[in-house]
């Protein structure tokens, strides 16, 4: 499915000028109505550092991200998955 294709190709995305750019022909969640790039907000990097610290230093096993609709939780999740894929 297009959603599976999105997740399979997420690891091939590249960072370009504060955007995570998916490979050509790949769209967010496989929906052509959506873009093929995600703005990497500075908050995403800060949150990534915080979560890494909580897990590595404090031994956190679970992290819950909450917020109002439209705040960017899903885009952050895609960014987080991409960073994990890059790290191996």
N, C-alpha and C. Protein backbone atom coordinates (compact mmCIF):
# COMPACT_ATOMS: atom_id res chain seq x y z
N UNK A 1 0.84 -1.19 0.00
CA UNK A 1 0.00 0.00 0.00
C UNK A 1 0.88 1.25 0.00
N UNK A 2 0.27 2.37 -0.27
CA UNK A 2 1.01 3.64 -0.30
C UNK A 2 1.55 4.01 1.07
N UNK A 3 0.83 3.64 2.13
CA UNK A 3 1.30 3.92 3.49
C UNK A 3 2.55 3.10 3.78
N UNK A 4 2.53 1.83 3.40
CA UNK A 4 3.72 0.98 3.58
C UNK A 4 4.90 1.55 2.81
N UNK A 5 4.65 1.99 1.60
CA UNK A 5 5.70 2.59 0.77
C UNK A 5 6.30 3.81 1.47
N UNK A 6 5.44 4.64 2.07
CA UNK A 6 5.92 5.81 2.81
C UNK A 6 6.89 5.39 3.91
N UNK A 7 6.49 4.42 4.71
CA UNK A 7 7.35 4.01 5.82
C UNK A 7 8.62 3.31 5.35
N UNK A 8 8.54 2.56 4.26
CA UNK A 8 9.73 1.92 3.72
C UNK A 8 10.72 2.94 3.16
N UNK A 9 10.22 4.00 2.57
CA UNK A 9 11.09 5.00 1.94
C UNK A 9 11.49 6.13 2.87
N UNK A 10 10.89 6.17 4.07
CA UNK A 10 11.22 7.22 5.03
C UNK A 10 12.71 7.22 5.35
N UNK A 11 13.31 6.04 5.43
CA UNK A 11 14.74 5.97 5.75
C UNK A 11 15.61 6.60 4.68
N UNK A 12 15.08 6.76 3.47
CA UNK A 12 15.85 7.37 2.38
C UNK A 12 15.65 8.87 2.27
N UNK A 13 14.85 9.44 3.18
CA UNK A 13 14.62 10.89 3.17
C UNK A 13 15.92 11.61 3.49
N UNK A 14 16.02 12.83 3.01
CA UNK A 14 17.22 13.66 3.23
C UNK A 14 16.82 14.96 3.90
N UNK A 15 17.72 15.46 4.74
CA UNK A 15 17.50 16.76 5.36
C UNK A 15 18.04 17.84 4.44
N UNK A 16 17.19 18.81 4.13
CA UNK A 16 17.59 19.90 3.24
C UNK A 16 16.94 21.19 3.71
N UNK A 17 17.76 22.12 4.18
CA UNK A 17 17.29 23.45 4.57
C UNK A 17 16.11 23.38 5.55
N UNK A 18 16.31 22.66 6.66
CA UNK A 18 15.32 22.52 7.74
C UNK A 18 14.06 21.78 7.31
N UNK A 19 14.17 20.99 6.25
CA UNK A 19 13.05 20.15 5.82
C UNK A 19 13.53 18.71 5.67
N UNK A 20 12.65 17.80 5.98
CA UNK A 20 12.90 16.39 5.73
C UNK A 20 12.22 16.09 4.40
N UNK A 21 13.01 15.81 3.37
CA UNK A 21 12.50 15.65 2.01
C UNK A 21 12.46 14.17 1.67
N UNK A 22 11.27 13.69 1.36
CA UNK A 22 11.09 12.28 1.00
C UNK A 22 11.58 12.04 -0.42
N UNK A 23 11.93 10.79 -0.75
CA UNK A 23 12.34 10.48 -2.11
C UNK A 23 11.24 10.84 -3.12
N UNK A 24 11.63 11.14 -4.33
CA UNK A 24 10.69 11.53 -5.37
C UNK A 24 9.58 10.49 -5.51
N UNK A 25 8.36 10.97 -5.61
CA UNK A 25 7.21 10.08 -5.76
C UNK A 25 6.68 9.52 -4.46
N UNK A 26 7.26 9.92 -3.34
CA UNK A 26 6.81 9.46 -2.03
C UNK A 26 6.12 10.62 -1.32
N UNK A 27 4.96 10.32 -0.76
CA UNK A 27 4.17 11.36 -0.11
C UNK A 27 3.89 10.96 1.34
N UNK A 28 3.70 11.96 2.19
CA UNK A 28 3.43 11.70 3.60
C UNK A 28 2.20 10.81 3.73
N UNK A 29 2.37 9.70 4.40
CA UNK A 29 1.34 8.68 4.59
C UNK A 29 0.77 8.18 3.27
N UNK A 30 1.53 8.34 2.19
CA UNK A 30 1.13 7.82 0.90
C UNK A 30 0.03 8.60 0.21
N UNK A 31 -0.32 9.78 0.72
CA UNK A 31 -1.41 10.57 0.16
C UNK A 31 -0.85 11.70 -0.69
N UNK A 32 -1.13 11.65 -1.99
CA UNK A 32 -0.61 12.66 -2.90
C UNK A 32 -1.10 14.07 -2.57
N UNK A 33 -2.22 14.17 -1.86
CA UNK A 33 -2.72 15.49 -1.48
C UNK A 33 -1.78 16.16 -0.47
N UNK A 34 -0.98 15.34 0.20
CA UNK A 34 -0.04 15.88 1.19
C UNK A 34 1.29 16.15 0.50
N UNK A 35 2.14 16.84 1.18
CA UNK A 35 3.46 17.15 0.63
C UNK A 35 4.39 15.95 0.65
N UNK A 36 5.56 16.14 0.10
CA UNK A 36 6.60 15.12 0.17
C UNK A 36 7.76 15.63 1.01
N UNK A 37 7.48 16.63 1.84
CA UNK A 37 8.51 17.12 2.77
C UNK A 37 7.85 17.57 4.07
N UNK A 38 8.65 17.55 5.13
CA UNK A 38 8.19 17.92 6.46
C UNK A 38 9.13 18.99 6.99
N UNK A 39 8.57 20.08 7.46
CA UNK A 39 9.38 21.12 8.10
C UNK A 39 9.91 20.57 9.42
N UNK A 40 11.22 20.66 9.61
CA UNK A 40 11.83 20.22 10.87
C UNK A 40 11.89 21.44 11.79
N UNK A 41 10.94 21.52 12.68
CA UNK A 41 10.91 22.63 13.63
C UNK A 41 12.03 22.48 14.64
N UNK A 42 12.56 23.59 15.12
CA UNK A 42 13.61 23.55 16.14
C UNK A 42 13.12 22.80 17.38
N UNK A 43 11.84 22.92 17.66
CA UNK A 43 11.24 22.21 18.80
C UNK A 43 11.42 20.70 18.65
N UNK A 44 11.37 20.18 17.42
CA UNK A 44 11.55 18.74 17.21
C UNK A 44 12.94 18.31 17.67
N UNK A 45 13.94 19.11 17.35
CA UNK A 45 15.31 18.77 17.76
C UNK A 45 15.45 18.84 19.28
N UNK A 46 14.84 19.86 19.88
CA UNK A 46 14.89 19.99 21.34
C UNK A 46 14.18 18.82 22.01
N UNK A 47 13.03 18.45 21.49
CA UNK A 47 12.29 17.32 22.04
C UNK A 47 13.06 16.02 21.88
N UNK A 48 13.72 15.87 20.75
CA UNK A 48 14.54 14.67 20.51
C UNK A 48 15.66 14.57 21.55
N UNK A 49 16.32 15.68 21.83
CA UNK A 49 17.39 15.71 22.84
C UNK A 49 16.83 15.35 24.21
N UNK A 50 15.68 15.92 24.55
CA UNK A 50 15.06 15.66 25.85
C UNK A 50 14.69 14.18 25.98
N UNK A 51 14.05 13.62 24.96
CA UNK A 51 13.63 12.22 25.01
C UNK A 51 14.84 11.30 25.10
N UNK A 52 15.86 11.58 24.33
CA UNK A 52 17.08 10.76 24.38
C UNK A 52 17.67 10.78 25.78
N UNK A 53 17.71 11.95 26.40
CA UNK A 53 18.22 12.08 27.77
C UNK A 53 17.36 11.27 28.75
N UNK A 54 16.05 11.42 28.64
CA UNK A 54 15.15 10.71 29.55
C UNK A 54 15.32 9.20 29.44
N UNK A 55 15.52 8.71 28.24
CA UNK A 55 15.66 7.27 28.04
C UNK A 55 17.04 6.77 28.44
N UNK A 56 18.07 7.50 28.05
CA UNK A 56 19.44 7.04 28.31
C UNK A 56 19.86 7.25 29.75
N UNK A 57 19.59 8.42 30.29
CA UNK A 57 20.07 8.77 31.63
C UNK A 57 19.09 8.36 32.72
N UNK A 58 17.84 8.62 32.49
CA UNK A 58 16.84 8.36 33.53
C UNK A 58 16.16 7.00 33.39
N UNK A 59 16.44 6.31 32.29
CA UNK A 59 15.89 4.96 32.11
C UNK A 59 14.42 4.92 31.72
N UNK A 60 13.89 6.00 31.17
CA UNK A 60 12.49 6.01 30.75
C UNK A 60 12.26 4.94 29.70
N UNK A 61 11.18 4.20 29.84
CA UNK A 61 10.86 3.13 28.90
C UNK A 61 9.77 3.55 27.91
N UNK A 62 8.97 4.53 28.31
CA UNK A 62 7.88 5.01 27.46
C UNK A 62 7.86 6.54 27.50
N UNK A 63 7.50 7.10 26.38
CA UNK A 63 7.34 8.54 26.27
C UNK A 63 5.99 8.80 25.62
N UNK A 64 5.21 9.69 26.16
CA UNK A 64 3.92 10.05 25.59
C UNK A 64 3.98 11.51 25.15
N UNK A 65 3.62 11.73 23.90
CA UNK A 65 3.58 13.09 23.35
C UNK A 65 2.10 13.48 23.27
N UNK A 66 1.74 14.58 23.91
CA UNK A 66 0.36 15.05 23.87
C UNK A 66 0.31 16.47 23.34
N UNK A 67 -0.86 16.89 22.93
CA UNK A 67 -1.04 18.26 22.47
C UNK A 67 -2.35 18.41 21.72
N UNK A 68 -2.69 19.62 21.42
CA UNK A 68 -3.93 19.88 20.71
C UNK A 68 -3.80 19.47 19.24
N UNK A 69 -4.93 19.19 18.59
CA UNK A 69 -4.89 18.80 17.18
C UNK A 69 -4.20 19.87 16.32
N UNK A 70 -3.36 19.40 15.40
CA UNK A 70 -2.71 20.30 14.46
C UNK A 70 -1.40 20.91 14.95
N UNK A 71 -0.95 20.52 16.12
CA UNK A 71 0.26 21.12 16.70
C UNK A 71 1.55 20.55 16.08
N UNK A 72 1.47 19.36 15.45
CA UNK A 72 2.65 18.79 14.80
C UNK A 72 3.12 17.47 15.40
N UNK A 73 2.28 16.81 16.17
CA UNK A 73 2.67 15.55 16.82
C UNK A 73 3.01 14.47 15.79
N UNK A 74 2.18 14.34 14.76
CA UNK A 74 2.43 13.31 13.75
C UNK A 74 3.69 13.61 12.95
N UNK A 75 3.89 14.86 12.57
CA UNK A 75 5.11 15.22 11.84
C UNK A 75 6.34 14.97 12.71
N UNK A 76 6.23 15.27 13.99
CA UNK A 76 7.35 14.97 14.89
C UNK A 76 7.60 13.47 14.93
N UNK A 77 6.53 12.67 14.97
CA UNK A 77 6.69 11.21 15.01
C UNK A 77 7.43 10.72 13.76
N UNK A 78 7.12 11.29 12.60
CA UNK A 78 7.83 10.90 11.38
C UNK A 78 9.30 11.30 11.48
N UNK A 79 9.56 12.49 11.98
CA UNK A 79 10.95 12.95 12.17
C UNK A 79 11.68 12.03 13.13
N UNK A 80 11.04 11.66 14.23
CA UNK A 80 11.65 10.79 15.23
C UNK A 80 11.98 9.43 14.61
N UNK A 81 11.03 8.87 13.86
CA UNK A 81 11.28 7.58 13.20
C UNK A 81 12.46 7.69 12.24
N UNK A 82 12.52 8.79 11.50
CA UNK A 82 13.62 9.00 10.55
C UNK A 82 14.96 9.03 11.28
N UNK A 83 15.03 9.75 12.42
CA UNK A 83 16.29 9.81 13.16
C UNK A 83 16.68 8.44 13.69
N UNK A 84 15.70 7.65 14.12
CA UNK A 84 15.99 6.30 14.60
C UNK A 84 16.49 5.42 13.46
N UNK A 85 15.87 5.54 12.29
CA UNK A 85 16.32 4.77 11.13
C UNK A 85 17.74 5.15 10.73
N UNK A 86 18.04 6.45 10.77
CA UNK A 86 19.39 6.92 10.43
C UNK A 86 20.43 6.37 11.41
N UNK A 87 20.05 6.30 12.68
CA UNK A 87 20.99 5.84 13.71
C UNK A 87 21.23 4.34 13.63
N UNK A 88 20.33 3.64 12.96
CA UNK A 88 20.50 2.19 12.82
C UNK A 88 19.91 1.49 13.97
